Structure formats: C-alpha cells, structure tokens
C-alpha cells in the first residue's frame, strides 16, 4: 500500500511540474528572444478563431504580455525573455 501511495504521489508531482514548466523558447525575427508559457488567466478551452482571439486578448490586456495563441485546447502567452 505504501508503494502505491508513493507512486501516485510521484505521478501527480510529474503532472503538476510538467504543466507549470511548459516554457518554450523561440527566436523571434529581429526582436530577440521570446518565451511562451501557459496563460494563468485564461479559462475554458481554445476552440476555433474566437478562442484564439480571446487567448490573445487575455494575454495582452490582463497579463500585460506580447501576445497569445492557442495550442491544442490551451492558451499560451508570449513574452520577452
């Protein structure tokens, strides 16, 4: 039983760490380095053009970042590194 609990705890820790550590560095043309991270303010799913526009608005207006775009069903914000 103790081994099962430890395994479940480690799995939960990995899932949470992966969600928080999703930062992808990309090279923007002529503007230097940018990083992408999961939006902390966006709720719901990114569906269609409307979802992508909402993601971008939230990243720009609420989070004060450069832009936002949907990847899958999640909203990622772009900021200068």
N, C-alpha and C. Protein backbone atom coordinates (compact mmCIF):
# COMPACT_ATOMS: atom_id res chain seq x y z
N UNK A 1 0.82 -1.19 0.00
CA UNK A 1 0.00 0.00 0.00
C UNK A 1 0.87 1.25 0.00
N UNK A 2 1.93 1.22 0.77
CA UNK A 2 2.84 2.38 0.86
C UNK A 2 3.49 2.66 -0.50
N UNK A 3 3.82 1.63 -1.23
CA UNK A 3 4.44 1.77 -2.54
C UNK A 3 3.46 2.39 -3.55
N UNK A 4 2.19 1.99 -3.46
CA UNK A 4 1.16 2.55 -4.32
C UNK A 4 0.99 4.05 -4.07
N UNK A 5 0.96 4.44 -2.82
CA UNK A 5 0.81 5.84 -2.45
C UNK A 5 1.99 6.66 -2.94
N UNK A 6 3.18 6.15 -2.79
CA UNK A 6 4.38 6.84 -3.26
C UNK A 6 4.35 6.99 -4.78
N UNK A 7 3.94 5.95 -5.48
CA UNK A 7 3.85 6.01 -6.94
C UNK A 7 2.82 7.03 -7.40
N UNK A 8 1.68 7.07 -6.73
CA UNK A 8 0.64 8.03 -7.07
C UNK A 8 1.11 9.46 -6.81
N UNK A 9 1.80 9.66 -5.71
CA UNK A 9 2.34 10.98 -5.38
C UNK A 9 3.35 11.44 -6.42
N UNK A 10 4.24 10.55 -6.84
CA UNK A 10 5.24 10.90 -7.85
C UNK A 10 4.59 11.21 -9.20
N UNK A 11 3.57 10.45 -9.57
CA UNK A 11 2.86 10.71 -10.81
C UNK A 11 2.18 12.08 -10.77
N UNK A 12 1.54 12.40 -9.67
CA UNK A 12 0.89 13.70 -9.50
C UNK A 12 1.91 14.82 -9.56
N UNK A 13 3.03 14.64 -8.93
CA UNK A 13 4.10 15.64 -8.94
C UNK A 13 4.63 15.88 -10.36
N UNK A 14 4.80 14.82 -11.12
CA UNK A 14 5.28 14.95 -12.50
C UNK A 14 4.26 15.70 -13.36
N UNK A 15 2.99 15.37 -13.20
CA UNK A 15 1.95 16.04 -13.99
C UNK A 15 1.90 17.53 -13.66
N UNK A 16 1.93 17.86 -12.39
CA UNK A 16 1.89 19.27 -11.99
C UNK A 16 3.14 20.02 -12.44
N UNK A 17 4.29 19.40 -12.32
CA UNK A 17 5.53 20.05 -12.75
C UNK A 17 5.54 20.26 -14.25
N UNK A 18 5.05 19.30 -15.00
CA UNK A 18 5.02 19.43 -16.46
C UNK A 18 4.10 20.57 -16.87
N UNK A 19 2.99 20.73 -16.19
CA UNK A 19 2.05 21.79 -16.53
C UNK A 19 2.64 23.17 -16.24
N UNK A 20 3.34 23.30 -15.14
CA UNK A 20 3.93 24.59 -14.75
C UNK A 20 5.19 24.92 -15.52
N UNK A 21 5.90 23.92 -15.98
CA UNK A 21 7.20 24.14 -16.61
C UNK A 21 7.13 24.21 -18.12
N UNK A 22 5.95 24.33 -18.67
CA UNK A 22 5.82 24.39 -20.12
C UNK A 22 6.25 25.77 -20.57
N UNK A 23 7.53 25.89 -20.83
CA UNK A 23 8.08 27.15 -21.34
C UNK A 23 8.93 26.79 -22.55
N UNK A 24 8.56 27.34 -23.67
CA UNK A 24 9.28 27.05 -24.89
C UNK A 24 9.96 28.32 -25.37
N UNK A 25 11.25 28.26 -25.55
CA UNK A 25 11.97 29.41 -26.04
C UNK A 25 12.00 29.38 -27.56
N UNK A 26 11.67 30.49 -28.14
CA UNK A 26 11.71 30.59 -29.59
C UNK A 26 12.48 31.84 -29.97
N UNK A 27 12.91 31.88 -31.17
CA UNK A 27 13.66 33.02 -31.66
C UNK A 27 12.76 33.85 -32.56
N UNK A 28 12.44 35.05 -32.18
CA UNK A 28 11.62 35.92 -33.00
C UNK A 28 12.52 36.67 -33.97
N UNK A 29 12.02 36.94 -35.15
CA UNK A 29 12.82 37.59 -36.16
C UNK A 29 13.03 39.06 -35.81
N UNK A 30 14.27 39.43 -35.55
CA UNK A 30 14.63 40.81 -35.33
C UNK A 30 14.23 41.39 -33.98
N UNK A 31 13.53 40.66 -33.14
CA UNK A 31 13.11 41.23 -31.87
C UNK A 31 13.80 40.59 -30.68
N UNK A 32 14.70 39.66 -30.88
CA UNK A 32 15.35 39.00 -29.76
C UNK A 32 14.59 37.77 -29.33
N UNK A 33 14.90 37.30 -28.15
CA UNK A 33 14.31 36.05 -27.67
C UNK A 33 12.93 36.27 -27.06
N UNK A 34 12.06 35.33 -27.30
CA UNK A 34 10.74 35.31 -26.66
C UNK A 34 10.52 33.95 -26.03
N UNK A 35 9.67 33.93 -25.02
CA UNK A 35 9.32 32.69 -24.34
C UNK A 35 7.81 32.56 -24.34
N UNK A 36 7.35 31.34 -24.33
CA UNK A 36 5.92 31.06 -24.24
C UNK A 36 5.64 30.29 -22.97
N UNK A 37 4.55 30.63 -22.30
CA UNK A 37 4.14 29.93 -21.10
C UNK A 37 2.62 29.85 -21.07
N UNK A 38 2.12 28.85 -20.40
CA UNK A 38 0.69 28.66 -20.26
C UNK A 38 0.08 29.87 -19.56
N UNK A 39 -1.03 30.37 -20.08
CA UNK A 39 -1.70 31.54 -19.50
C UNK A 39 -2.22 31.21 -18.11
N UNK A 40 -2.06 32.16 -17.20
CA UNK A 40 -2.57 31.97 -15.84
C UNK A 40 -4.00 32.50 -15.69
N UNK A 41 -4.47 33.29 -16.66
CA UNK A 41 -5.78 33.93 -16.56
C UNK A 41 -6.84 33.30 -17.46
N UNK A 42 -6.44 32.61 -18.51
CA UNK A 42 -7.39 32.06 -19.48
C UNK A 42 -8.13 30.87 -18.88
N UNK A 43 -9.46 30.88 -19.02
CA UNK A 43 -10.23 29.73 -18.56
C UNK A 43 -11.10 29.25 -19.71
N UNK A 44 -11.40 28.00 -19.70
CA UNK A 44 -12.16 27.41 -20.80
C UNK A 44 -11.20 26.80 -21.80
N UNK A 45 -11.72 26.42 -22.92
CA UNK A 45 -10.88 25.80 -23.94
C UNK A 45 -10.69 26.71 -25.13
N UNK A 46 -9.59 26.55 -25.79
CA UNK A 46 -9.31 27.29 -27.02
C UNK A 46 -10.01 26.55 -28.16
N UNK A 47 -11.11 27.10 -28.63
CA UNK A 47 -11.86 26.45 -29.70
C UNK A 47 -12.10 27.46 -30.81
N UNK A 48 -11.58 27.16 -31.99
CA UNK A 48 -11.81 27.99 -33.15
C UNK A 48 -11.16 29.36 -33.09
N UNK A 49 -11.55 30.21 -34.01
CA UNK A 49 -11.00 31.56 -34.13
C UNK A 49 -11.34 32.40 -32.90
N UNK A 50 -12.54 32.25 -32.38
CA UNK A 50 -12.95 33.03 -31.22
C UNK A 50 -12.08 32.72 -30.01
N UNK A 51 -11.78 31.46 -29.79
CA UNK A 51 -10.92 31.06 -28.67
C UNK A 51 -9.54 31.64 -28.81
N UNK A 52 -9.01 31.65 -30.02
CA UNK A 52 -7.68 32.19 -30.27
C UNK A 52 -7.67 33.70 -30.01
N UNK A 53 -8.72 34.40 -30.42
CA UNK A 53 -8.82 35.84 -30.18
C UNK A 53 -8.94 36.14 -28.69
N UNK A 54 -9.72 35.35 -27.98
CA UNK A 54 -9.86 35.54 -26.53
C UNK A 54 -8.53 35.30 -25.83
N UNK A 55 -7.82 34.28 -26.25
CA UNK A 55 -6.50 33.97 -25.69
C UNK A 55 -5.56 35.16 -25.88
N UNK A 56 -5.51 35.70 -27.08
CA UNK A 56 -4.63 36.83 -27.38
C UNK A 56 -5.02 38.05 -26.54
N UNK A 57 -6.33 38.34 -26.45
CA UNK A 57 -6.79 39.48 -25.65
C UNK A 57 -6.42 39.35 -24.18
N UNK A 58 -6.60 38.17 -23.62
CA UNK A 58 -6.29 37.95 -22.21
C UNK A 58 -4.79 38.09 -21.96
N UNK A 59 -3.97 37.53 -22.85
CA UNK A 59 -2.53 37.64 -22.67
C UNK A 59 -2.07 39.10 -22.75
N UNK A 60 -2.62 39.85 -23.69
CA UNK A 60 -2.22 41.25 -23.87
C UNK A 60 -2.78 42.15 -22.78
N UNK A 61 -4.08 42.07 -22.54
CA UNK A 61 -4.74 43.04 -21.64
C UNK A 61 -4.64 42.67 -20.17
N UNK A 62 -4.95 41.42 -19.83
CA UNK A 62 -4.95 41.04 -18.42
C UNK A 62 -3.57 40.70 -17.88
N UNK A 63 -2.75 40.07 -18.72
CA UNK A 63 -1.44 39.63 -18.25
C UNK A 63 -0.32 40.58 -18.68
N UNK A 64 -0.62 41.54 -19.56
CA UNK A 64 0.37 42.53 -19.98
C UNK A 64 1.52 41.96 -20.80
N UNK A 65 1.26 40.91 -21.56
CA UNK A 65 2.31 40.26 -22.33
C UNK A 65 2.19 40.61 -23.81
N UNK A 66 3.10 40.09 -24.62
CA UNK A 66 3.16 40.46 -26.04
C UNK A 66 1.98 39.94 -26.86
N UNK A 67 1.64 38.68 -26.69
CA UNK A 67 0.56 38.08 -27.47
C UNK A 67 0.16 36.75 -26.85
N UNK A 68 -0.86 36.14 -27.45
CA UNK A 68 -1.31 34.84 -27.00
C UNK A 68 -1.83 34.04 -28.17
N UNK A 69 -1.67 32.74 -28.10
CA UNK A 69 -2.16 31.86 -29.16
C UNK A 69 -2.54 30.51 -28.57
N UNK A 70 -3.53 29.89 -29.20
CA UNK A 70 -3.99 28.57 -28.75
C UNK A 70 -3.11 27.48 -29.35
N UNK A 71 -2.77 26.54 -28.53
CA UNK A 71 -2.08 25.33 -28.97
C UNK A 71 -2.84 24.18 -28.37
N UNK A 72 -3.50 23.45 -29.22
CA UNK A 72 -4.41 22.43 -28.72
C UNK A 72 -5.60 23.14 -28.08
N UNK A 73 -5.93 22.79 -26.87
CA UNK A 73 -7.03 23.44 -26.16
C UNK A 73 -6.53 24.42 -25.11
N UNK A 74 -5.23 24.69 -25.09
CA UNK A 74 -4.65 25.56 -24.08
C UNK A 74 -4.15 26.87 -24.68
N UNK A 75 -4.17 27.92 -23.86
CA UNK A 75 -3.74 29.25 -24.27
C UNK A 75 -2.31 29.50 -23.79
N UNK A 76 -1.44 29.84 -24.71
CA UNK A 76 -0.05 30.16 -24.37
C UNK A 76 0.22 31.63 -24.66
N UNK A 77 0.85 32.30 -23.70
CA UNK A 77 1.20 33.72 -23.83
C UNK A 77 2.67 33.84 -24.21
N UNK A 78 2.97 34.84 -25.03
CA UNK A 78 4.34 35.11 -25.45
C UNK A 78 4.84 36.36 -24.74
N UNK A 79 6.06 36.28 -24.20
CA UNK A 79 6.68 37.42 -23.52
C UNK A 79 8.15 37.49 -23.92
N UNK A 80 8.75 38.64 -23.69
CA UNK A 80 10.19 38.77 -23.95
C UNK A 80 10.94 38.03 -22.83
N UNK A 81 11.98 37.31 -23.19
CA UNK A 81 12.78 36.58 -22.19
C UNK A 81 13.81 37.50 -21.53
